[in-house]
Amino acid sequence: MKKTRYFSIVMILCMTVALVLAGCGQQAQAPAKKVEPAVKDIILATTTSTRDSGLLDYLLPVFEKQSGYKVKVIAVGTGAALKMGEKGEADVLLVHAPDAEKKVMATGATINRRLIMHNDFVFAGPKADPAKIKKSSVENALKAIADNKAVFVSRGDDSGTHKMEKKLWNFVKIKPEGAWYQQAGAGMAQTLKIADERHGYTLTDRATYLAQKKNLTLEILVEGDKKLLNIYHVMEVNSKKFSKVNAAGAKAFGDFLLSAQGQKMIAEHGKQKYGQPLFFADGGKTEQEFSAK
């Protein structure tokens, strides 16, 4: 009887110790509680290409889930996005007009400008190609379009694409004007649609063209020229100049884009659907590296 009682007490003690150890193990394995950001909302001012290409729809849900931030996207031309930054009306910018970006940086309105990715611009036009620009150089393509007064639809919205287009016209010393040169005053997807309807040419970033291709008859006619490089940077709006800026959120977004996960997602976006990536990840690179190529 005594042995049985002794055995029962030992069993109870062993079970108690086992339960305590199990509880300790569960506590040790419990994930750390995620710290919620003090200010959750982030205003991102960006070019329409990051929206129209589907890149933001791909990236933002992951960033928001991991960080606890909520991103409000204002997709406009890069010129308008930079102006928002200059006025402190956004927290972070994702844009593609290096010369204009540097001017804004010089005012102190933005800080921490970092290279994120690149793709390229292409000239798209009707299959009939009335100006015969297919596979020609940028210089010859623009001269042929102007000489033939072939319809050219410009974004006309001070976007990064529009800035590049004006830079290219200036490079060939042509001032585009007349009925053949039409300004859409719209985003890239809408400009492509207008050019398609009018059987005209346009300059577009490759990502938006590929994303819209199923709705277009336009074809890529000129590509691969070094002058058509399209570089994107992230810039944080300076909270020391604009007190309402969500500095922590802006930095967190930029850090995510440059993280191993963010760069991998950027590099993979579009591969499965279009058979090629829409952007190339460039974390850690500089503009000088591109100019040297």
C-alpha atoms as a PDB file:
ATOM      1  CA  MET A   1       0.000   0.000   0.000  1.00  0.00           C
ATOM      2  CA  LYS A   2       2.861   2.323   0.951  1.00  0.00           C
ATOM      3  CA  LYS A   3       4.689   1.471  -2.280  1.00  0.00           C
ATOM      4  CA  THR A   4       1.606   2.240  -4.352  1.00  0.00           C
ATOM      5  CA  ARG A   5       1.109   5.549  -2.595  1.00  0.00           C
ATOM      6  CA  TYR A   6       4.805   6.449  -3.018  1.00  0.00           C
ATOM      7  CA  PHE A   7       4.629   5.545  -6.705  1.00  0.00           C
ATOM      8  CA  SER A   8       1.535   7.777  -7.211  1.00  0.00           C
ATOM      9  CA  ILE A   9       3.244  10.765  -5.575  1.00  0.00           C
ATOM     10  CA  VAL A  10       6.320  10.314  -7.773  1.00  0.00           C
ATOM     11  CA  MET A  11       4.144  10.110 -10.909  1.00  0.00           C
ATOM     12  CA  ILE A  12       2.275  13.305  -9.980  1.00  0.00           C
ATOM     13  CA  LEU A  13       5.551  15.141  -9.378  1.00  0.00           C
ATOM     14  CA  CYS A  14       6.988  13.963 -12.724  1.00  0.00           C
ATOM     15  CA  MET A  15       3.852  15.027 -14.594  1.00  0.00           C
ATOM     16  CA  THR A  16       3.944  18.433 -12.882  1.00  0.00           C
ATOM     17  CA  VAL A  17       7.586  18.972 -13.813  1.00  0.00           C
ATOM     18  CA  ALA A  18       6.877  17.895 -17.412  1.00  0.00           C
ATOM     19  CA  LEU A  19       3.987  20.344 -17.688  1.00  0.00           C
ATOM     20  CA  VAL A  20       6.092  23.173 -16.270  1.00  0.00           C
ATOM     21  CA  LEU A  21       8.935  22.427 -18.708  1.00  0.00           C
ATOM     22  CA  ALA A  22       6.508  22.234 -21.622  1.00  0.00           C
ATOM     23  CA  GLY A  23       5.055  25.575 -20.637  1.00  0.00           C
ATOM     24  CA  CYS A  24       8.529  27.093 -20.490  1.00  0.00           C
ATOM     25  CA  GLY A  25       9.301  25.650 -23.916  1.00  0.00           C
ATOM     26  CA  GLN A  26       6.139  27.144 -25.380  1.00  0.00           C
ATOM     27  CA  GLN A  27       6.981  30.520 -23.874  1.00  0.00           C
ATOM     28  CA  ALA A  28      10.493  30.369 -25.314  1.00  0.00           C
ATOM     29  CA  GLN A  29       9.132  29.573 -28.775  1.00  0.00           C
ATOM     30  CA  ALA A  30       6.417  32.231 -28.712  1.00  0.00           C
ATOM     31  CA  PRO A  31       7.064  34.894 -31.394  1.00  0.00           C
ATOM     32  CA  ALA A  32       7.891  38.383 -30.235  1.00  0.00           C
ATOM     33  CA  LYS A  33       4.949  40.720 -30.360  1.00  0.00           C
ATOM     34  CA  LYS A  34       5.133  43.039 -33.380  1.00  0.00           C
ATOM     35  CA  VAL A  35       5.568  46.665 -32.408  1.00  0.00           C
ATOM     36  CA  GLU A  36       2.920  48.743 -34.138  1.00  0.00           C
ATOM     37  CA  PRO A  37       4.132  52.040 -35.649  1.00  0.00           C
ATOM     38  CA  ALA A  38       3.125  55.193 -33.800  1.00  0.00           C
ATOM     39  CA  VAL A  39       1.843  56.783 -37.031  1.00  0.00           C
ATOM     40  CA  LYS A  40       0.560  54.146 -39.446  1.00  0.00           C
ATOM     41  CA  ASP A  41      -0.305  56.172 -42.542  1.00  0.00           C
ATOM     42  CA  ILE A  42       2.315  56.825 -45.234  1.00  0.00           C
ATOM     43  CA  ILE A  43       1.693  59.016 -48.286  1.00  0.00           C
ATOM     44  CA  LEU A  44       3.638  57.762 -51.307  1.00  0.00           C
ATOM     45  CA  ALA A  45       3.854  60.139 -54.280  1.00  0.00           C
ATOM     46  CA  THR A  46       5.009  58.246 -57.337  1.00  0.00           C
ATOM     47  CA  THR A  47       4.973  58.020 -61.105  1.00  0.00           C
ATOM     48  CA  THR A  48       2.058  56.300 -62.835  1.00  0.00           C
ATOM     49  CA  SER A  49       4.340  53.578 -64.213  1.00  0.00           C
ATOM     50  CA  THR A  50       4.792  51.951 -60.808  1.00  0.00           C
ATOM     51  CA  ARG A  51       1.009  51.739 -60.505  1.00  0.00           C
ATOM     52  CA  ASP A  52       0.100  50.895 -64.117  1.00  0.00           C
ATOM     53  CA  SER A  53       2.712  48.140 -64.288  1.00  0.00           C
ATOM     54  CA  GLY A  54       1.177  46.423 -61.263  1.00  0.00           C
ATOM     55  CA  LEU A  55       4.392  46.752 -59.228  1.00  0.00           C
ATOM     56  CA  LEU A  56       2.784  48.536 -56.274  1.00  0.00           C
ATOM     57  CA  ASP A  57      -0.092  46.055 -56.135  1.00  0.00           C
ATOM     58  CA  TYR A  58       2.566  43.367 -55.802  1.00  0.00           C
ATOM     59  CA  LEU A  59       4.809  45.052 -53.229  1.00  0.00           C
ATOM     60  CA  LEU A  60       2.532  47.011 -50.914  1.00  0.00           C
ATOM     61  CA  PRO A  61       0.441  44.198 -49.378  1.00  0.00           C
ATOM     62  CA  VAL A  62       3.662  42.486 -48.264  1.00  0.00           C
ATOM     63  CA  PHE A  63       5.157  45.682 -46.867  1.00  0.00           C
ATOM     64  CA  GLU A  64       1.956  46.640 -45.054  1.00  0.00           C
ATOM     65  CA  LYS A  65       1.499  43.186 -43.508  1.00  0.00           C
ATOM     66  CA  GLN A  66       5.081  43.042 -42.247  1.00  0.00           C
ATOM     67  CA  SER A  67       5.414  46.628 -41.043  1.00  0.00           C
ATOM     68  CA  GLY A  68       1.954  47.600 -39.849  1.00  0.00           C
ATOM     69  CA  TYR A  69       1.997  50.726 -42.030  1.00  0.00           C
ATOM     70  CA  LYS A  70      -0.767  51.662 -44.477  1.00  0.00           C
ATOM     71  CA  VAL A  71       0.350  53.283 -47.725  1.00  0.00           C
ATOM     72  CA  LYS A  72      -1.784  55.837 -49.551  1.00  0.00           C
ATOM     73  CA  VAL A  73      -0.578  55.973 -53.165  1.00  0.00           C
ATOM     74  CA  ILE A  74      -0.807  59.166 -55.188  1.00  0.00           C
ATOM     75  CA  ALA A  75       0.253  58.176 -58.710  1.00  0.00           C
ATOM     76  CA  VAL A  76       0.961  61.233 -60.844  1.00  0.00           C
ATOM     77  CA  GLY A  77       3.733  62.322 -63.167  1.00  0.00           C
ATOM     78  CA  THR A  78       7.168  62.484 -61.584  1.00  0.00           C
ATOM     79  CA  GLY A  79       7.139  66.285 -61.886  1.00  0.00           C
ATOM     80  CA  ALA A  80       3.949  66.488 -59.833  1.00  0.00           C
ATOM     81  CA  ALA A  81       5.278  63.940 -57.326  1.00  0.00           C
ATOM     82  CA  LEU A  82       8.447  65.996 -56.845  1.00  0.00           C
ATOM     83  CA  LYS A  83       6.354  69.136 -56.303  1.00  0.00           C
ATOM     84  CA  MET A  84       4.424  67.323 -53.600  1.00  0.00           C
ATOM     85  CA  GLY A  85       7.738  66.520 -51.960  1.00  0.00           C
ATOM     86  CA  GLU A  86       8.872  70.139 -52.207  1.00  0.00           C
ATOM     87  CA  LYS A  87       5.708  71.226 -50.395  1.00  0.00           C
ATOM     88  CA  GLY A  88       5.833  68.498 -47.749  1.00  0.00           C
ATOM     89  CA  GLU A  89       2.604  66.996 -49.061  1.00  0.00           C
ATOM     90  CA  ALA A  90       3.963  63.422 -49.133  1.00  0.00           C
ATOM     91  CA  ASP A  91       6.155  61.300 -46.896  1.00  0.00           C
ATOM     92  CA  VAL A  92       8.135  59.417 -49.525  1.00  0.00           C
ATOM     93  CA  LEU A  93       8.683  59.635 -53.294  1.00  0.00           C
ATOM     94  CA  LEU A  94       9.363  56.878 -55.848  1.00  0.00           C
ATOM     95  CA  VAL A  95      10.281  58.654 -59.085  1.00  0.00           C
ATOM     96  CA  HIS A  96      12.339  58.430 -62.290  1.00  0.00           C
ATOM     97  CA  ALA A  97      13.787  61.768 -63.362  1.00  0.00           C
ATOM     98  CA  PRO A  98      17.357  61.953 -61.992  1.00  0.00           C
ATOM     99  CA  ASP A  99      18.122  65.547 -63.046  1.00  0.00           C
ATOM    100  CA  ALA A 100      14.900  66.888 -61.529  1.00  0.00           C
ATOM    101  CA  GLU A 101      15.357  64.750 -58.400  1.00  0.00           C
ATOM    102  CA  LYS A 102      18.795  66.235 -57.739  1.00  0.00           C
ATOM    103  CA  LYS A 103      17.361  69.760 -57.944  1.00  0.00           C
ATOM    104  CA  VAL A 104      14.758  68.921 -55.313  1.00  0.00           C
ATOM    105  CA  MET A 105      17.421  67.321 -53.119  1.00  0.00           C
ATOM    106  CA  ALA A 106      19.465  70.525 -53.377  1.00  0.00           C
ATOM    107  CA  THR A 107      16.592  72.508 -51.809  1.00  0.00           C
ATOM    108  CA  GLY A 108      16.660  70.300 -48.714  1.00  0.00           C
ATOM    109  CA  ALA A 109      13.069  69.178 -49.244  1.00  0.00           C
ATOM    110  CA  THR A 110      14.086  65.525 -49.569  1.00  0.00           C
ATOM    111  CA  ILE A 111      16.802  63.321 -48.109  1.00  0.00           C
ATOM    112  CA  ASN A 112      18.276  59.835 -48.449  1.00  0.00           C
ATOM    113  CA  ARG A 113      17.911  59.457 -52.225  1.00  0.00           C
ATOM    114  CA  ARG A 114      18.566  55.796 -53.060  1.00  0.00           C
ATOM    115  CA  LEU A 115      18.691  53.903 -56.347  1.00  0.00           C
ATOM    116  CA  ILE A 116      16.051  51.171 -56.403  1.00  0.00           C
ATOM    117  CA  MET A 117      15.670  49.754 -59.916  1.00  0.00           C
ATOM    118  CA  HIS A 118      15.698  50.477 -63.629  1.00  0.00           C
ATOM    119  CA  ASN A 119      14.074  49.476 -66.876  1.00  0.00           C
ATOM    120  CA  ASP A 120      14.057  51.344 -70.167  1.00  0.00           C
ATOM    121  CA  PHE A 121      12.020  53.565 -72.419  1.00  0.00           C
ATOM    122  CA  VAL A 122      10.929  52.418 -75.882  1.00  0.00           C
ATOM    123  CA  PHE A 123       9.275  54.034 -78.870  1.00  0.00           C
ATOM    124  CA  ALA A 124       5.958  52.375 -79.674  1.00  0.00           C
ATOM    125  CA  GLY A 125       4.020  52.959 -82.850  1.00  0.00           C
ATOM    126  CA  PRO A 126       1.610  51.492 -85.401  1.00  0.00           C
ATOM    127  CA  LYS A 127       2.514  48.281 -87.208  1.00  0.00           C
ATOM    128  CA  ALA A 128       2.366  50.150 -90.547  1.00  0.00           C
ATOM    129  CA  ASP A 129       5.176  52.405 -89.244  1.00  0.00           C
ATOM    130  CA  PRO A 130       4.531  55.359 -91.617  1.00  0.00           C
ATOM    131  CA  ALA A 131       7.761  57.146 -90.599  1.00  0.00           C
ATOM    132  CA  LYS A 132       9.801  53.942 -91.049  1.00  0.00           C
ATOM    133  CA  ILE A 133      11.556  54.156 -87.682  1.00  0.00           C
ATOM    134  CA  LYS A 134      11.701  50.448 -86.848  1.00  0.00           C
ATOM    135  CA  LYS A 135      15.110  49.385 -85.472  1.00  0.00           C
ATOM    136  CA  SER A 136      16.579  52.821 -86.101  1.00  0.00           C
ATOM    137  CA  SER A 137      18.520  54.928 -83.611  1.00  0.00           C
ATOM    138  CA  VAL A 138      16.761  57.405 -81.326  1.00  0.00           C
ATOM    139  CA  GLU A 139      18.136  60.319 -83.365  1.00  0.00           C
ATOM    140  CA  ASN A 140      16.963  58.915 -86.696  1.00  0.00           C
ATOM    141  CA  ALA A 141      13.582  57.925 -85.284  1.00  0.00           C
ATOM    142  CA  LEU A 142      12.798  61.420 -83.992  1.00  0.00           C
ATOM    143  CA  LYS A 143      14.009  63.084 -87.193  1.00  0.00           C
ATOM    144  CA  ALA A 144      11.916  60.729 -89.319  1.00  0.00           C
ATOM    145  CA  ILE A 145       8.774  61.338 -87.216  1.00  0.00           C
ATOM    146  CA  ALA A 146       9.228  65.132 -87.458  1.00  0.00           C
ATOM    147  CA  ASP A 147      10.131  65.103 -91.192  1.00  0.00           C
ATOM    148  CA  ASN A 148       7.091  62.983 -92.049  1.00  0.00           C
ATOM    149  CA  LYS A 149       4.852  64.892 -89.629  1.00  0.00           C
ATOM    150  CA  ALA A 150       3.709  61.520 -88.339  1.00  0.00           C
ATOM    151  CA  VAL A 151       1.378  61.670 -85.342  1.00  0.00           C
ATOM    152  CA  PHE A 152       3.321  61.654 -82.084  1.00  0.00           C
ATOM    153  CA  VAL A 153       1.424  61.598 -78.794  1.00  0.00           C
ATOM    154  CA  SER A 154       3.337  63.111 -75.883  1.00  0.00           C
ATOM    155  CA  ARG A 155       2.313  62.656 -72.277  1.00  0.00           C
ATOM    156  CA  GLY A 156       2.615  66.405 -71.877  1.00  0.00           C
ATOM    157  CA  ASP A 157       2.330  66.185 -68.104  1.00  0.00           C
ATOM    158  CA  ASP A 158       5.837  66.965 -66.812  1.00  0.00           C
ATOM    159  CA  SER A 159       6.248  63.318 -65.843  1.00  0.00           C
ATOM    160  CA  GLY A 160       9.564  61.496 -65.897  1.00  0.00           C
ATOM    161  CA  THR A 161       8.643  60.114 -69.324  1.00  0.00           C
ATOM    162  CA  HIS A 162       7.736  63.578 -70.607  1.00  0.00           C
ATOM    163  CA  LYS A 163      10.993  64.989 -69.251  1.00  0.00           C
ATOM    164  CA  MET A 164      12.919  62.246 -71.062  1.00  0.00           C
ATOM    165  CA  GLU A 165      11.017  62.883 -74.278  1.00  0.00           C
ATOM    166  CA  LYS A 166      11.790  66.618 -74.165  1.00  0.00           C
ATOM    167  CA  LYS A 167      15.435  65.809 -73.457  1.00  0.00           C
ATOM    168  CA  LEU A 168      15.574  63.588 -76.549  1.00  0.00           C
ATOM    169  CA  TRP A 169      13.938  66.204 -78.824  1.00  0.00           C
ATOM    170  CA  ASN A 170      16.426  68.737 -77.518  1.00  0.00           C
ATOM    171  CA  PHE A 171      19.271  66.307 -78.188  1.00  0.00           C
ATOM    172  CA  VAL A 172      18.366  66.157 -81.896  1.00  0.00           C
ATOM    173  CA  LYS A 173      17.725  69.933 -81.939  1.00  0.00           C
ATOM    174  CA  ILE A 174      14.088  69.611 -82.992  1.00  0.00           C
ATOM    175  CA  LYS A 175      11.268  71.645 -81.482  1.00  0.00           C
ATOM    176  CA  PRO A 176       8.169  69.486 -81.948  1.00  0.00           C
ATOM    177  CA  GLU A 177       5.130  71.572 -82.882  1.00  0.00           C
ATOM    178  CA  GLY A 178       2.217  71.478 -85.246  1.00  0.00           C
ATOM    179  CA  ALA A 179      -0.854  69.300 -85.681  1.00  0.00           C
ATOM    180  CA  TRP A 180       1.219  66.112 -85.771  1.00  0.00           C
ATOM    181  CA  TYR A 181       2.575  66.686 -82.248  1.00  0.00           C
ATOM    182  CA  GLN A 182      -0.231  66.061 -79.757  1.00  0.00           C
ATOM    183  CA  GLN A 183      -0.087  66.325 -75.981  1.00  0.00           C
ATOM    184  CA  ALA A 184      -2.287  63.995 -73.966  1.00  0.00           C
ATOM    185  CA  GLY A 185      -1.781  65.555 -70.525  1.00  0.00           C
ATOM    186  CA  ALA A 186      -2.351  62.088 -69.095  1.00  0.00           C
ATOM    187  CA  GLY A 187      -0.659  59.112 -67.471  1.00  0.00           C
ATOM    188  CA  MET A 188       1.239  56.511 -69.446  1.00  0.00           C
ATOM    189  CA  ALA A 189      -1.529  53.941 -69.818  1.00  0.00           C
ATOM    190  CA  GLN A 190      -3.973  56.580 -71.090  1.00  0.00           C
ATOM    191  CA  THR A 191      -1.347  58.077 -73.420  1.00  0.00           C
ATOM    192  CA  LEU A 192      -0.691  54.657 -74.944  1.00  0.00           C
ATOM    193  CA  LYS A 193      -4.418  54.238 -75.518  1.00  0.00           C
ATOM    194  CA  ILE A 194      -4.661  57.640 -77.238  1.00  0.00           C
ATOM    195  CA  ALA A 195      -1.631  56.919 -79.431  1.00  0.00           C
ATOM    196  CA  ASP A 196      -3.158  53.577 -80.364  1.00  0.00           C
ATOM    197  CA  GLU A 197      -6.482  55.165 -81.328  1.00  0.00           C
ATOM    198  CA  ARG A 198      -4.721  57.815 -83.442  1.00  0.00           C
ATOM    199  CA  HIS A 199      -2.252  55.376 -85.035  1.00  0.00           C
ATOM    200  CA  GLY A 200       0.584  57.485 -83.686  1.00  0.00           C
ATOM    201  CA  TYR A 201       3.955  57.060 -82.050  1.00  0.00           C
ATOM    202  CA  THR A 202       4.783  57.625 -78.395  1.00  0.00           C
ATOM    203  CA  LEU A 203       7.601  57.228 -75.890  1.00  0.00           C
ATOM    204  CA  THR A 204       6.741  54.823 -73.079  1.00  0.00           C
ATOM    205  CA  ASP A 205       8.436  52.937 -70.297  1.00  0.00           C
ATOM    206  CA  ARG A 206       8.630  49.267 -71.180  1.00  0.00           C
ATOM    207  CA  ALA A 207       6.861  48.096 -68.017  1.00  0.00           C
ATOM    208  CA  THR A 208       3.655  50.031 -68.698  1.00  0.00           C
ATOM    209  CA  TYR A 209       3.694  49.035 -72.378  1.00  0.00           C
ATOM    210  CA  LEU A 210       3.947  45.332 -71.489  1.00  0.00           C
ATOM    211  CA  ALA A 211       1.232  45.656 -68.849  1.00  0.00           C
ATOM    212  CA  GLN A 212      -1.090  47.337 -71.388  1.00  0.00           C
ATOM    213  CA  LYS A 213      -0.020  45.391 -74.486  1.00  0.00           C
ATOM    214  CA  LYS A 214      -3.088  43.138 -74.576  1.00  0.00           C
ATOM    215  CA  ASN A 215      -5.254  46.244 -75.115  1.00  0.00           C
ATOM    216  CA  LEU A 216      -3.036  47.793 -77.817  1.00  0.00           C
ATOM    217  CA  THR A 217      -2.115  47.323 -81.459  1.00  0.00           C
ATOM    218  CA  LEU A 218       1.018  49.443 -81.028  1.00  0.00           C
ATOM    219  CA  GLU A 219       4.360  47.669 -81.382  1.00  0.00           C
ATOM    220  CA  ILE A 220       7.793  48.394 -79.953  1.00  0.00           C
ATOM    221  CA  LEU A 221       9.757  49.885 -82.842  1.00  0.00           C
ATOM    222  CA  VAL A 222      12.851  51.442 -81.252  1.00  0.00           C
ATOM    223  CA  GLU A 223      14.612  50.042 -78.184  1.00  0.00           C
ATOM    224  CA  GLY A 224      17.975  49.242 -76.650  1.00  0.00           C
ATOM    225  CA  ASP A 225      19.593  52.665 -76.998  1.00  0.00           C
ATOM    226  CA  LYS A 226      21.682  53.740 -73.998  1.00  0.00           C
ATOM    227  CA  LYS A 227      19.828  57.088 -74.023  1.00  0.00           C
ATOM    228  CA  LEU A 228      16.605  55.235 -73.160  1.00  0.00           C
ATOM    229  CA  LEU A 229      17.718  54.062 -69.709  1.00  0.00           C
ATOM    230  CA  ASN A 230      15.016  54.632 -67.074  1.00  0.00           C
ATOM    231  CA  ILE A 231      16.276  54.824 -63.470  1.00  0.00           C
ATOM    232  CA  TYR A 232      14.069  54.921 -60.346  1.00  0.00           C
ATOM    233  CA  HIS A 233      15.014  56.351 -56.942  1.00  0.00           C
ATOM    234  CA  VAL A 234      13.244  56.459 -53.586  1.00  0.00           C
ATOM    235  CA  MET A 235      13.512  59.737 -51.653  1.00  0.00           C
ATOM    236  CA  GLU A 236      12.286  60.576 -48.162  1.00  0.00           C
ATOM    237  CA  VAL A 237      10.668  63.965 -47.573  1.00  0.00           C
ATOM    238  CA  ASN A 238      12.659  65.881 -44.972  1.00  0.00           C
ATOM    239  CA  SER A 239      10.852  65.805 -41.614  1.00  0.00           C
ATOM    240  CA  LYS A 240      13.170  68.515 -40.273  1.00  0.00           C
ATOM    241  CA  LYS A 241      11.721  70.873 -42.853  1.00  0.00           C
ATOM    242  CA  PHE A 242       8.153  69.552 -42.733  1.00  0.00           C
ATOM    243  CA  SER A 243       7.101  68.508 -39.234  1.00  0.00           C
ATOM    244  CA  LYS A 244       4.036  66.490 -40.335  1.00  0.00           C
ATOM    245  CA  VAL A 245       6.080  64.063 -42.411  1.00  0.00           C
ATOM    246  CA  ASN A 246       6.030  60.442 -41.249  1.00  0.00           C
ATOM    247  CA  ALA A 247       9.816  60.062 -41.244  1.00  0.00           C
ATOM    248  CA  ALA A 248       9.860  56.578 -39.711  1.00  0.00           C
ATOM    249  CA  GLY A 249       7.311  55.318 -42.222  1.00  0.00           C
ATOM    250  CA  ALA A 250       9.128  56.855 -45.183  1.00  0.00           C
ATOM    251  CA  LYS A 251      12.415  55.264 -44.150  1.00  0.00           C
ATOM    252  CA  ALA A 252      10.742  51.905 -43.499  1.00  0.00           C
ATOM    253  CA  PHE A 253       9.278  51.914 -47.012  1.00  0.00           C
ATOM    254  CA  GLY A 254      12.626  52.746 -48.623  1.00  0.00           C
ATOM    255  CA  ASP A 255      14.372  50.114 -46.502  1.00  0.00           C
ATOM    256  CA  PHE A 256      11.818  47.516 -47.602  1.00  0.00           C
ATOM    257  CA  LEU A 257      12.395  48.301 -51.290  1.00  0.00           C
ATOM    258  CA  LEU A 258      16.143  47.840 -50.755  1.00  0.00           C
ATOM    259  CA  SER A 259      15.847  44.760 -48.549  1.00  0.00           C
ATOM    260  CA  ALA A 260      16.752  41.343 -49.952  1.00  0.00           C
ATOM    261  CA  GLN A 261      13.046  40.489 -50.085  1.00  0.00           C
ATOM    262  CA  GLY A 262      12.021  43.759 -51.755  1.00  0.00           C
ATOM    263  CA  GLN A 263      14.769  43.534 -54.373  1.00  0.00           C
ATOM    264  CA  LYS A 264      13.880  39.906 -55.113  1.00  0.00           C
ATOM    265  CA  MET A 265      10.214  40.810 -55.582  1.00  0.00           C
ATOM    266  CA  ILE A 266      11.114  43.697 -57.912  1.00  0.00           C
ATOM    267  CA  ALA A 267      13.383  41.436 -59.976  1.00  0.00           C
ATOM    268  CA  GLU A 268      10.692  38.764 -60.295  1.00  0.00           C
ATOM    269  CA  HIS A 269       7.719  41.010 -61.062  1.00  0.00           C
ATOM    270  CA  GLY A 270       6.339  40.289 -64.520  1.00  0.00           C
ATOM    271  CA  LYS A 271       8.476  37.242 -65.336  1.00  0.00           C
ATOM    272  CA  GLN A 272       5.679  34.712 -65.110  1.00  0.00           C
ATOM    273  CA  LYS A 273       3.045  36.859 -66.819  1.00  0.00           C
ATOM    274  CA  TYR A 274       5.099  38.585 -69.523  1.00  0.00           C
ATOM    275  CA  GLY A 275       8.045  36.247 -69.923  1.00  0.00           C
ATOM    276  CA  GLN A 276      10.452  38.980 -68.786  1.00  0.00           C
ATOM    277  CA  PRO A 277      10.900  41.173 -65.717  1.00  0.00           C
ATOM    278  CA  LEU A 278       9.347  44.639 -65.848  1.00  0.00           C
ATOM    279  CA  PHE A 279      12.115  46.120 -63.680  1.00  0.00           C
ATOM    280  CA  PHE A 280      15.692  45.248 -62.769  1.00  0.00           C
ATOM    281  CA  ALA A 281      16.686  45.534 -59.095  1.00  0.00           C
ATOM    282  CA  ASP A 282      19.626  47.890 -58.447  1.00  0.00           C
ATOM    283  CA  GLY A 283      20.048  48.051 -54.678  1.00  0.00           C
ATOM    284  CA  GLY A 284      23.542  49.220 -53.771  1.00  0.00           C
ATOM    285  CA  LYS A 285      24.358  50.549 -57.245  1.00  0.00           C
ATOM    286  CA  THR A 286      24.964  54.166 -58.295  1.00  0.00           C
ATOM    287  CA  GLU A 287      24.045  56.184 -61.370  1.00  0.00           C
ATOM    288  CA  GLN A 288      27.752  56.396 -62.231  1.00  0.00           C
ATOM    289  CA  GLU A 289      27.816  52.661 -62.794  1.00  0.00           C
ATOM    290  CA  PHE A 290      25.173  53.042 -65.513  1.00  0.00           C
ATOM    291  CA  SER A 291      26.983  55.956 -67.191  1.00  0.00           C
ATOM    292  CA  ALA A 292      30.147  53.894 -67.334  1.00  0.00           C
ATOM    293  CA  LYS A 293      28.469  51.142 -69.360  1.00  0.00           C
END
